[in-house]
C-alpha atoms as a PDB file:
ATOM      1  CA  MET A   1    -108.346  37.206 130.188  1.00  0.00           C
ATOM      2  CA  ARG A   2    -111.510  39.015 129.192  1.00  0.00           C
ATOM      3  CA  HIS A   3    -109.677  42.369 128.928  1.00  0.00           C
ATOM      4  CA  LEU A   4    -107.027  40.779 126.728  1.00  0.00           C
ATOM      5  CA  THR A   5    -109.675  39.447 124.330  1.00  0.00           C
ATOM      6  CA  THR A   6    -111.305  42.877 124.155  1.00  0.00           C
ATOM      7  CA  ARG A   7    -107.950  44.524 123.420  1.00  0.00           C
ATOM      8  CA  VAL A   8    -107.201  42.030 120.659  1.00  0.00           C
ATOM      9  CA  ARG A   9    -110.601  42.655 119.072  1.00  0.00           C
ATOM     10  CA  LEU A  10    -110.187  46.429 119.290  1.00  0.00           C
ATOM     11  CA  SER A  11    -106.700  46.207 117.829  1.00  0.00           C
ATOM     12  CA  SER A  12    -107.975  44.058 114.977  1.00  0.00           C
ATOM     13  CA  LEU A  13    -110.824  46.464 114.319  1.00  0.00           C
ATOM     14  CA  LEU A  14    -108.488  49.448 114.310  1.00  0.00           C
ATOM     15  CA  LEU A  15    -106.100  47.699 111.930  1.00  0.00           C
ATOM     16  CA  THR A  16    -108.967  46.844 109.579  1.00  0.00           C
ATOM     17  CA  VAL A  17    -110.213  50.441 109.563  1.00  0.00           C
ATOM     18  CA  LEU A  18    -106.720  51.764 108.847  1.00  0.00           C
ATOM     19  CA  CYS A  19    -106.267  49.332 105.956  1.00  0.00           C
ATOM     20  CA  LEU A  20    -109.606  50.354 104.460  1.00  0.00           C
ATOM     21  CA  CYS A  21    -108.691  54.036 104.757  1.00  0.00           C
ATOM     22  CA  ALA A  22    -105.415  53.383 102.956  1.00  0.00           C
ATOM     23  CA  LEU A  23    -107.236  51.592 100.134  1.00  0.00           C
ATOM     24  CA  VAL A  24    -109.776  54.383  99.739  1.00  0.00           C
ATOM     25  CA  GLY A  25    -106.999  56.984  99.722  1.00  0.00           C
ATOM     26  CA  THR A  26    -105.108  55.097  97.024  1.00  0.00           C
ATOM     27  CA  ALA A  27    -108.189  54.772  94.830  1.00  0.00           C
ATOM     28  CA  ALA A  28    -108.921  58.474  95.154  1.00  0.00           C
ATOM     29  CA  GLN A  29    -105.388  59.341  94.026  1.00  0.00           C
ATOM     30  CA  GLN A  30    -105.638  57.394  90.775  1.00  0.00           C
ATOM     31  CA  VAL A  31    -106.015  59.568  87.698  1.00  0.00           C
ATOM     32  CA  SER A  32    -108.275  58.571  84.809  1.00  0.00           C
ATOM     33  CA  ASP A  33    -106.971  58.237  81.264  1.00  0.00           C
ATOM     34  CA  ASP A  34    -109.217  61.136  80.207  1.00  0.00           C
ATOM     35  CA  GLU A  35    -107.662  63.405  82.835  1.00  0.00           C
ATOM     36  CA  ILE A  36    -104.166  62.360  81.795  1.00  0.00           C
ATOM     37  CA  TYR A  37    -105.029  62.992  78.130  1.00  0.00           C
ATOM     38  CA  ASP A  38    -106.301  66.489  78.898  1.00  0.00           C
ATOM     39  CA  ARG A  39    -103.286  67.372  81.038  1.00  0.00           C
ATOM     40  CA  VAL A  40    -100.772  66.091  78.490  1.00  0.00           C
ATOM     41  CA  ARG A  41    -102.496  68.011  75.664  1.00  0.00           C
ATOM     42  CA  VAL A  42    -102.484  71.229  77.712  1.00  0.00           C
ATOM     43  CA  ARG A  43     -98.804  70.838  78.619  1.00  0.00           C
ATOM     44  CA  LEU A  44     -97.772  70.157  75.040  1.00  0.00           C
ATOM     45  CA  ALA A  45     -99.889  72.969  73.585  1.00  0.00           C
ATOM     46  CA  GLY A  46     -98.678  75.438  76.199  1.00  0.00           C
ATOM     47  CA  ASP A  47     -94.996  74.830  75.590  1.00  0.00           C
ATOM     48  CA  ARG A  48     -93.184  77.388  73.439  1.00  0.00           C
ATOM     49  CA  ASP A  49     -91.140  74.775  71.542  1.00  0.00           C
ATOM     50  CA  VAL A  50     -93.600  71.901  71.311  1.00  0.00           C
ATOM     51  CA  GLY A  51     -96.888  73.803  70.982  1.00  0.00           C
ATOM     52  CA  GLY A  52     -96.700  74.338  67.223  1.00  0.00           C
ATOM     53  CA  SER A  53     -96.201  70.654  66.431  1.00  0.00           C
ATOM     54  CA  ARG A  54     -98.975  68.300  65.433  1.00  0.00           C
ATOM     55  CA  ILE A  55     -98.793  65.598  68.046  1.00  0.00           C
ATOM     56  CA  GLU A  56    -101.443  62.930  68.504  1.00  0.00           C
ATOM     57  CA  VAL A  57    -101.852  61.771  72.098  1.00  0.00           C
ATOM     58  CA  THR A  58    -103.472  58.535  73.213  1.00  0.00           C
ATOM     59  CA  VAL A  59    -103.683  57.160  76.737  1.00  0.00           C
ATOM     60  CA  GLU A  60    -104.456  53.646  77.880  1.00  0.00           C
ATOM     61  CA  GLN A  61    -104.162  52.625  81.531  1.00  0.00           C
ATOM     62  CA  GLY A  62    -101.775  55.478  82.240  1.00  0.00           C
ATOM     63  CA  VAL A  63     -99.525  54.731  79.260  1.00  0.00           C
ATOM     64  CA  VAL A  64     -99.232  57.779  76.986  1.00  0.00           C
ATOM     65  CA  THR A  65     -98.387  57.296  73.317  1.00  0.00           C
ATOM     66  CA  LEU A  66     -97.156  60.259  71.283  1.00  0.00           C
ATOM     67  CA  ARG A  67     -97.425  60.098  67.471  1.00  0.00           C
ATOM     68  CA  GLY A  68     -96.763  62.602  64.744  1.00  0.00           C
ATOM     69  CA  THR A  69     -93.926  64.559  63.212  1.00  0.00           C
ATOM     70  CA  VAL A  70     -91.785  67.238  64.801  1.00  0.00           C
ATOM     71  CA  PRO A  71     -89.072  69.383  63.161  1.00  0.00           C
ATOM     72  CA  LYS A  72     -86.220  68.643  65.595  1.00  0.00           C
ATOM     73  CA  GLU A  73     -84.964  65.857  67.861  1.00  0.00           C
ATOM     74  CA  LYS A  74     -84.882  68.352  70.718  1.00  0.00           C
ATOM     75  CA  ILE A  75     -88.641  68.890  70.379  1.00  0.00           C
ATOM     76  CA  ARG A  76     -89.250  65.124  70.212  1.00  0.00           C
ATOM     77  CA  GLN A  77     -87.384  64.664  73.489  1.00  0.00           C
ATOM     78  CA  LYS A  78     -89.054  67.653  75.133  1.00  0.00           C
ATOM     79  CA  ALA A  79     -92.539  66.370  74.256  1.00  0.00           C
ATOM     80  CA  GLU A  80     -91.725  63.073  75.947  1.00  0.00           C
ATOM     81  CA  LYS A  81     -90.352  64.833  79.016  1.00  0.00           C
ATOM     82  CA  LEU A  82     -93.452  67.034  79.288  1.00  0.00           C
ATOM     83  CA  ALA A  83     -95.753  64.008  79.040  1.00  0.00           C
ATOM     84  CA  LYS A  84     -93.754  62.113  81.672  1.00  0.00           C
ATOM     85  CA  GLY A  85     -94.198  65.044  84.047  1.00  0.00           C
ATOM     86  CA  VAL A  86     -97.985  64.694  84.132  1.00  0.00           C
ATOM     87  CA  ARG A  87     -99.399  63.132  87.294  1.00  0.00           C
ATOM     88  CA  GLY A  88    -100.746  59.643  86.677  1.00  0.00           C
ATOM     89  CA  VAL A  89     -98.547  58.856  83.667  1.00  0.00           C
ATOM     90  CA  ARG A  90     -96.974  55.426  84.136  1.00  0.00           C
ATOM     91  CA  LYS A  91     -95.016  55.323  80.896  1.00  0.00           C
ATOM     92  CA  VAL A  92     -94.548  57.290  77.668  1.00  0.00           C
ATOM     93  CA  VAL A  93     -94.215  55.571  74.295  1.00  0.00           C
ATOM     94  CA  ASN A  94     -92.614  58.137  72.008  1.00  0.00           C
ATOM     95  CA  GLU A  95     -93.394  57.333  68.365  1.00  0.00           C
ATOM     96  CA  LEU A  96     -92.711  60.876  67.162  1.00  0.00           C
ATOM     97  CA  THR A  97     -90.615  61.156  64.018  1.00  0.00           C
ATOM     98  CA  VAL A  98     -88.277  64.006  63.171  1.00  0.00           C
ATOM     99  CA  SER A  99     -88.693  65.675  59.788  1.00  0.00           C
ATOM    100  CA  PRO A 100     -87.289  69.169  59.293  1.00  0.00           C
ATOM    101  CA  ARG A 101     -89.790  71.512  57.666  1.00  0.00           C
END
């Protein structure tokens, strides 16, 4: 009986440690809004089609909002796709308007 109690305690301890490790790992993987902002700006600026457009980027709790004017619908869609591809982005709100130059 004593060995069984020891095994149960050890199993419980091991399970607790594993749960804590999982929580710490999840917290470390979260990306801050500032990091997301920087990564989205770099991706947009570095793209051949989107880079010349004036796009304002804001980020709140992983939700990226794009504002501004672009010359073509294709560029509007590409900007959204680029932003969605950034790690940590939960959602993209695309408020870009299309106005040919």
